Protein backbone atom coordinates (compact mmCIF):
# COMPACT_ATOMS: atom_id res chain seq x y z
CA UNK A 1 0.31 -0.02 -0.06
CA UNK A 2 0.65 3.75 0.22
CA UNK A 3 -0.51 7.32 0.83
CA UNK A 4 -1.80 7.44 4.37
CA UNK A 5 -2.49 3.30 4.43
CA UNK A 6 1.29 2.24 4.18
CA UNK A 7 3.00 1.40 7.37
CA UNK A 8 5.86 3.46 6.01
CA UNK A 9 4.10 6.67 5.79
CA UNK A 10 3.75 7.67 9.41
CA UNK A 11 4.20 11.45 9.10
CA UNK A 12 1.45 11.37 5.82
CA UNK A 13 -1.09 8.47 8.23
CA UNK A 14 -0.80 11.08 11.81
CA UNK A 15 -1.78 14.25 9.04
CA UNK A 16 -4.72 12.12 7.70
CA UNK A 17 -6.04 10.72 11.04
CA UNK A 18 -6.34 13.93 12.31
CA UNK A 19 -8.35 15.45 9.08
CA UNK A 20 -10.64 12.32 9.54
CA UNK A 21 -11.23 12.21 13.44
CA UNK A 22 -12.01 15.58 13.26
CA UNK A 23 -13.96 15.71 10.45
CA UNK A 24 -16.06 12.57 11.18
CA UNK A 25 -19.69 13.22 12.35
CA UNK A 26 -20.63 12.83 15.91
CA UNK A 27 -24.10 10.94 14.79
CA UNK A 28 -25.96 9.30 12.21
CA UNK A 29 -28.48 12.89 12.02
CA UNK A 30 -25.31 14.31 10.65
CA UNK A 31 -25.04 12.78 7.79
CA UNK A 32 -28.64 13.25 6.68
CA UNK A 33 -29.11 16.12 3.73
CA UNK A 34 -32.91 16.85 3.02
CA UNK A 35 -33.63 16.52 -0.65
CA UNK A 36 -36.57 17.66 -2.43
CA UNK A 37 -36.40 14.67 -5.09
CA UNK A 38 -33.36 12.14 -5.15
CA UNK A 39 -34.11 11.42 -9.73
CA UNK A 40 -33.77 15.02 -9.55
CA UNK A 41 -30.68 16.21 -6.78
CA UNK A 42 -29.99 20.10 -6.68
CA UNK A 43 -26.32 21.06 -7.55
CA UNK A 44 -26.74 22.18 -3.33
CA UNK A 45 -28.10 18.50 -2.48
CA UNK A 46 -25.59 16.51 -3.87
CA UNK A 47 -22.68 18.84 -2.99
CA UNK A 48 -23.84 17.75 0.61
CA UNK A 49 -24.37 13.91 -0.01
CA UNK A 50 -20.96 13.56 -1.45
CA UNK A 51 -18.91 15.68 1.47
CA UNK A 52 -20.29 13.32 4.10
CA UNK A 53 -19.52 10.84 1.91
CA UNK A 54 -15.97 12.44 1.72
CA UNK A 55 -15.77 13.05 5.49
CA UNK A 56 -17.31 9.32 6.53
CA UNK A 57 -17.70 7.07 3.37
CA UNK A 58 -21.28 7.53 3.83
CA UNK A 59 -24.45 9.67 3.81
CA UNK A 60 -28.20 9.41 4.04
CA UNK A 61 -30.80 11.26 2.13
CA UNK A 62 -34.40 12.18 3.44
CA UNK A 63 -37.09 13.24 0.64
CA UNK A 64 -39.92 13.00 3.45
CA UNK A 65 -42.39 11.07 3.01
CA UNK A 66 -43.66 7.54 1.46
CA UNK A 67 -41.65 7.14 -2.57
CA UNK A 68 -43.49 3.75 -3.15
CA UNK A 69 -42.14 0.89 -4.85
CA UNK A 70 -39.78 3.16 -7.56
CA UNK A 71 -36.78 1.81 -7.58
CA UNK A 72 -35.68 4.34 -10.34
CA UNK A 73 -35.34 6.57 -7.48
CA UNK A 74 -32.25 5.25 -6.07
CA UNK A 75 -30.79 4.21 -9.11
CA UNK A 76 -31.17 7.11 -10.68
CA UNK A 77 -30.21 9.05 -6.68
CA UNK A 78 -27.32 6.74 -7.33
CA UNK A 79 -26.35 7.90 -10.85
CA UNK A 80 -26.17 11.13 -10.03
CA UNK A 81 -23.35 10.67 -6.87
CA UNK A 82 -21.21 8.43 -9.41
CA UNK A 83 -22.19 5.01 -9.07
CA UNK A 84 -23.17 3.58 -12.29
CA UNK A 85 -22.23 -0.14 -12.97
CA UNK A 86 -24.57 -2.40 -10.94
CA UNK A 87 -23.66 -5.53 -10.31
CA UNK A 88 -26.29 -8.19 -10.32
CA UNK A 89 -25.45 -10.65 -7.56
CA UNK A 90 -27.10 -14.04 -6.72
CA UNK A 91 -30.29 -13.18 -5.19
CA UNK A 92 -31.50 -9.84 -7.22
CA UNK A 93 -34.18 -8.97 -8.88
CA UNK A 94 -33.94 -8.64 -12.47
CA UNK A 95 -33.20 -5.33 -12.75
CA UNK A 96 -30.12 -6.54 -10.41
CA UNK A 97 -31.75 -4.50 -7.17
CA UNK A 98 -32.13 -6.23 -4.03
CA UNK A 99 -35.66 -6.29 -2.50
CA UNK A 100 -34.94 -6.68 0.93
CA UNK A 101 -37.48 -8.42 2.55
CA UNK A 102 -38.35 -11.92 4.50
CA UNK A 103 -40.05 -14.40 1.84
CA UNK A 104 -39.32 -17.67 1.31
CA UNK A 105 -38.13 -19.86 -1.22
CA UNK A 106 -34.66 -19.64 -2.35
CA UNK A 107 -34.54 -16.31 -0.67
CA UNK A 108 -35.88 -17.31 2.80
CA UNK A 109 -32.42 -19.26 3.76
CA UNK A 110 -30.12 -16.40 3.32
CA UNK A 111 -30.21 -14.34 6.68
CA UNK A 112 -30.55 -10.83 4.81
CA UNK A 113 -34.17 -11.99 3.20
CA UNK A 114 -35.45 -12.97 6.92
CA UNK A 115 -36.19 -11.31 10.41
CA UNK A 116 -32.83 -11.71 12.27
CA UNK A 117 -29.90 -10.11 13.12
CA UNK A 118 -27.02 -9.58 10.71
CA UNK A 119 -22.90 -9.06 12.25
CA UNK A 120 -20.90 -6.66 10.93
CA UNK A 121 -19.81 -7.01 7.57
CA UNK A 122 -18.38 -5.62 4.51
CA UNK A 123 -21.11 -6.71 1.19
CA UNK A 124 -19.62 -8.59 -1.32
CA UNK A 125 -16.82 -9.64 0.61
CA UNK A 126 -16.98 -13.17 -1.57
CA UNK A 127 -16.87 -11.53 -5.13
CA UNK A 128 -13.18 -11.40 -6.77
CA UNK A 129 -10.96 -8.55 -7.02
CA UNK A 130 -12.27 -7.59 -10.03
CA UNK A 131 -15.92 -7.78 -8.84
CA UNK A 132 -15.72 -5.54 -5.72
CA UNK A 133 -18.42 -3.90 -4.36
CA UNK A 134 -16.73 0.01 -3.80
CA UNK A 135 -20.61 1.30 -3.16
CA UNK A 136 -23.67 0.43 -1.85
CA UNK A 137 -27.33 2.15 -1.52
CA UNK A 138 -29.73 0.88 1.10
CA UNK A 139 -33.50 3.06 -0.11
CA UNK A 140 -36.46 2.27 2.81
CA UNK A 141 -39.91 1.65 1.49
CA UNK A 142 -41.34 0.22 4.78
CA UNK A 143 -39.62 0.37 7.34
CA UNK A 144 -40.22 -2.58 10.07
CA UNK A 145 -42.78 -2.30 12.75
CA UNK A 146 -40.07 -3.47 15.67
CA UNK A 147 -36.57 -3.29 15.03
CA UNK A 148 -34.48 -3.44 12.18
CA UNK A 149 -31.43 -0.83 12.76
CA UNK A 150 -28.70 -0.49 11.48
CA UNK A 151 -25.43 -0.21 12.95
CA UNK A 152 -22.75 1.89 10.78
CA UNK A 153 -18.86 1.96 10.66
CA UNK A 154 -16.72 3.61 8.48
CA UNK A 155 -14.08 0.94 7.37
CA UNK A 156 -10.99 4.20 7.96
CA UNK A 157 -12.12 4.44 11.27
CA UNK A 158 -11.40 0.42 11.64
CA UNK A 159 -7.90 1.23 10.09
CA UNK A 160 -7.17 3.85 12.34
CA UNK A 161 -8.19 2.43 15.65
CA UNK A 162 -6.40 -1.30 15.20
CA UNK A 163 -3.39 0.39 13.33
CA UNK A 164 -3.42 2.87 16.56
CA UNK A 165 -3.68 -0.23 19.00
CA UNK A 166 -1.19 -2.10 16.62
CA UNK A 167 0.91 -2.02 13.84
CA UNK A 168 0.90 -6.04 13.02
CA UNK A 169 -2.92 -6.01 13.27
CA UNK A 170 -3.09 -4.09 9.52
CA UNK A 171 -0.58 -6.19 8.43
CA UNK A 172 -2.32 -9.62 8.79
CA UNK A 173 -4.26 -7.86 7.59
CA UNK A 174 -3.68 -6.97 4.96
CA UNK A 175 -1.96 -10.34 3.82
CA UNK A 176 -3.53 -11.85 0.34
CA UNK A 177 -4.64 -14.80 2.38
CA UNK A 178 -6.09 -13.47 5.46
CA UNK A 179 -9.80 -14.48 4.13
CA UNK A 180 -10.62 -17.33 2.33
CA UNK A 181 -14.92 -17.85 1.22
CA UNK A 182 -15.44 -21.27 0.40
CA UNK A 183 -17.16 -21.72 -3.17
CA UNK A 184 -20.76 -22.37 -2.92
CA UNK A 185 -21.97 -25.00 -4.26
CA UNK A 186 -25.05 -25.91 -6.71
CA UNK A 187 -25.67 -29.35 -5.88
CA UNK A 188 -22.52 -31.12 -7.36
CA UNK A 189 -21.56 -28.14 -9.36
CA UNK A 190 -19.88 -24.71 -8.17
CA UNK A 191 -22.65 -21.37 -8.08
CA UNK A 192 -19.26 -19.65 -6.96
CA UNK A 193 -16.18 -20.27 -7.00
CA UNK A 194 -13.54 -19.78 -3.50
CA UNK A 195 -11.63 -16.86 -2.90
CA UNK A 196 -9.08 -15.92 -1.08
CA UNK A 197 -7.84 -12.21 -0.11
CA UNK A 198 -6.99 -9.59 2.30
CA UNK A 199 -9.06 -7.25 4.37
CA UNK A 200 -8.00 -4.57 4.13
CA UNK A 201 -6.59 -3.21 0.30
CA UNK A 202 -6.31 0.38 -1.67
CA UNK A 203 -7.28 1.58 -4.59
CA UNK A 204 -6.84 5.25 -6.42
CA UNK A 205 -3.25 4.82 -6.47
CA UNK A 206 -3.43 3.90 -2.47
CA UNK A 207 -5.14 7.13 -1.04
CA UNK A 208 -8.43 5.43 -0.67
CA UNK A 209 -9.67 2.27 1.30
CA UNK A 210 -11.40 -1.15 0.38
CA UNK A 211 -12.87 -3.51 3.58
CA UNK A 212 -14.00 -7.25 3.36
CA UNK A 213 -14.96 -8.22 6.14
CA UNK A 214 -17.40 -10.56 8.25
CA UNK A 215 -18.31 -11.28 11.20
CA UNK A 216 -19.91 -14.56 10.02
CA UNK A 217 -18.51 -17.98 12.14
CA UNK A 218 -19.37 -19.94 9.54
CA UNK A 219 -18.32 -20.81 5.43
CA UNK A 220 -15.26 -18.56 6.20
CA UNK A 221 -11.89 -19.70 6.77
CA UNK A 222 -9.47 -17.40 8.36
CA UNK A 223 -5.74 -17.55 8.35
CA UNK A 224 -4.78 -19.85 11.25
CA UNK A 225 -1.29 -17.84 12.62
CA UNK A 226 -1.33 -16.19 15.52
CA UNK A 227 -0.86 -12.80 14.21
CA UNK A 228 -4.19 -13.03 12.52
CA UNK A 229 -5.98 -14.45 15.63
CA UNK A 230 -4.76 -11.20 17.43
CA UNK A 231 -5.87 -9.27 14.32
CA UNK A 232 -9.25 -10.13 14.27
CA UNK A 233 -9.49 -10.19 18.30
CA UNK A 234 -9.12 -6.54 17.95
CA UNK A 235 -11.13 -5.95 15.19
CA UNK A 236 -14.49 -7.65 16.99
CA UNK A 237 -13.39 -5.36 20.06
CA UNK A 238 -13.26 -2.25 18.41
CA UNK A 239 -16.78 -3.53 17.00
CA UNK A 240 -18.16 -4.73 20.08
CA UNK A 241 -17.66 -1.15 22.11
CA UNK A 242 -21.25 -0.22 22.18
CA UNK A 243 -19.54 3.00 23.38
CA UNK A 244 -17.94 3.82 20.47
CA UNK A 245 -18.80 6.92 19.69
CA UNK A 246 -17.30 6.09 16.01
CA UNK A 247 -20.37 3.72 15.66
CA UNK A 248 -23.88 5.71 14.33
CA UNK A 249 -27.13 4.21 14.39
CA UNK A 250 -29.90 5.16 12.25
CA UNK A 251 -33.82 3.19 10.91
CA UNK A 252 -34.61 4.14 8.14
CA UNK A 253 -38.12 5.73 7.44
CA UNK A 254 -39.29 5.53 4.45
CA UNK A 255 -38.08 8.07 1.59
CA UNK A 256 -34.94 7.61 3.41
CA UNK A 257 -31.85 5.91 1.80
CA UNK A 258 -28.09 5.24 2.53
CA UNK A 259 -25.90 5.63 0.13
CA UNK A 260 -22.16 4.54 0.92
CA UNK A 261 -18.37 3.41 0.29
CA UNK A 262 -19.53 0.16 1.57
CA UNK A 263 -18.65 0.68 5.50
CA UNK A 264 -19.31 -1.49 7.71
CA UNK A 265 -22.43 -2.48 8.99
CA UNK A 266 -25.07 -4.45 10.54
CA UNK A 267 -28.63 -5.07 11.41
CA UNK A 268 -30.55 -5.50 14.64
CA UNK A 269 -33.85 -8.69 14.05
CA UNK A 270 -36.43 -7.01 13.83
CA UNK A 271 -40.46 -8.00 13.53
CA UNK A 272 -43.20 -6.93 11.37
CA UNK A 273 -46.71 -5.99 12.04
CA UNK A 274 -50.01 -6.57 9.78
CA UNK A 275 -49.41 -7.99 6.75
CA UNK A 276 -46.65 -4.85 5.72
CA UNK A 277 -43.25 -6.15 5.46
CA UNK A 278 -39.98 -4.59 6.03
CA UNK A 279 -39.00 -3.93 2.91
CA UNK A 280 -35.62 -2.17 1.66
CA UNK A 281 -34.00 -2.28 -1.81
CA UNK A 282 -29.80 -3.02 -1.80
CA UNK A 283 -28.27 -1.47 -4.82
CA UNK A 284 -24.59 -2.77 -5.16
CA UNK A 285 -21.72 -0.78 -7.01
CA UNK A 286 -18.48 -1.29 -8.50
CA UNK A 287 -18.03 2.68 -8.39
CA UNK A 288 -17.46 4.30 -5.66
CA UNK A 289 -19.13 7.70 -4.51
CA UNK A 290 -17.76 10.53 -6.46
CA UNK A 291 -19.35 13.84 -8.54
CA UNK A 292 -21.36 12.36 -11.95
């Protein structure tokens, strides 16, 4: 790595660290930008969303009131922020957008499509490098009657806290064989190949950080050495610190959307009421948020 994420560039890192901590939001409300029409952002609205993503790798738009089941809304909003290369992942709808709602059938065995809690992760951690998920949008159509809160942590902050604790944690999690996702089988056929790679890597010439991570305990193989075990334990402490001011919590309401550079996030369990099931649209991108 190079730039602020190069362990040999301590002065560059210290300057980046100071700016990062000074600009980081104090609560989820600091991420919110009120917008009139997400399909047609004003220059000021677009600039405000991009600026929040620059500071914290995430922003939340709020358009006031229910938006209905309109997939064009998050898709067009995303495009204005530089997110255009949609990753049509497994179980996504035909248009490449995932309708995250409790249901049966093929979706029912996957935790996002249940009412169960989801642990800390970044999206697409099982993707190969050529399909790294750099951007992600969650747009709320209907929230759950109870629960379904999302916690957010900028992966830059996770890196910062780990590096401050022990630079060896960063070395271990940057190893090219740190984390392996076994192949997913469909009967006797390989539906998704095994994928091995680092937790932390850089893009844009070393100026930006990418993270692939999941807290799940199954269908994942970690490098079996003392340095990796110590680094993972330290990361779990960072993510488990309920008092940390860096973890931001929000329950998206109708018409609200999280747009981010694939930050760490989780979800509490939830319960639906009546016949109205929780529904969020999830859009995964091969792009980061940038001015369009």
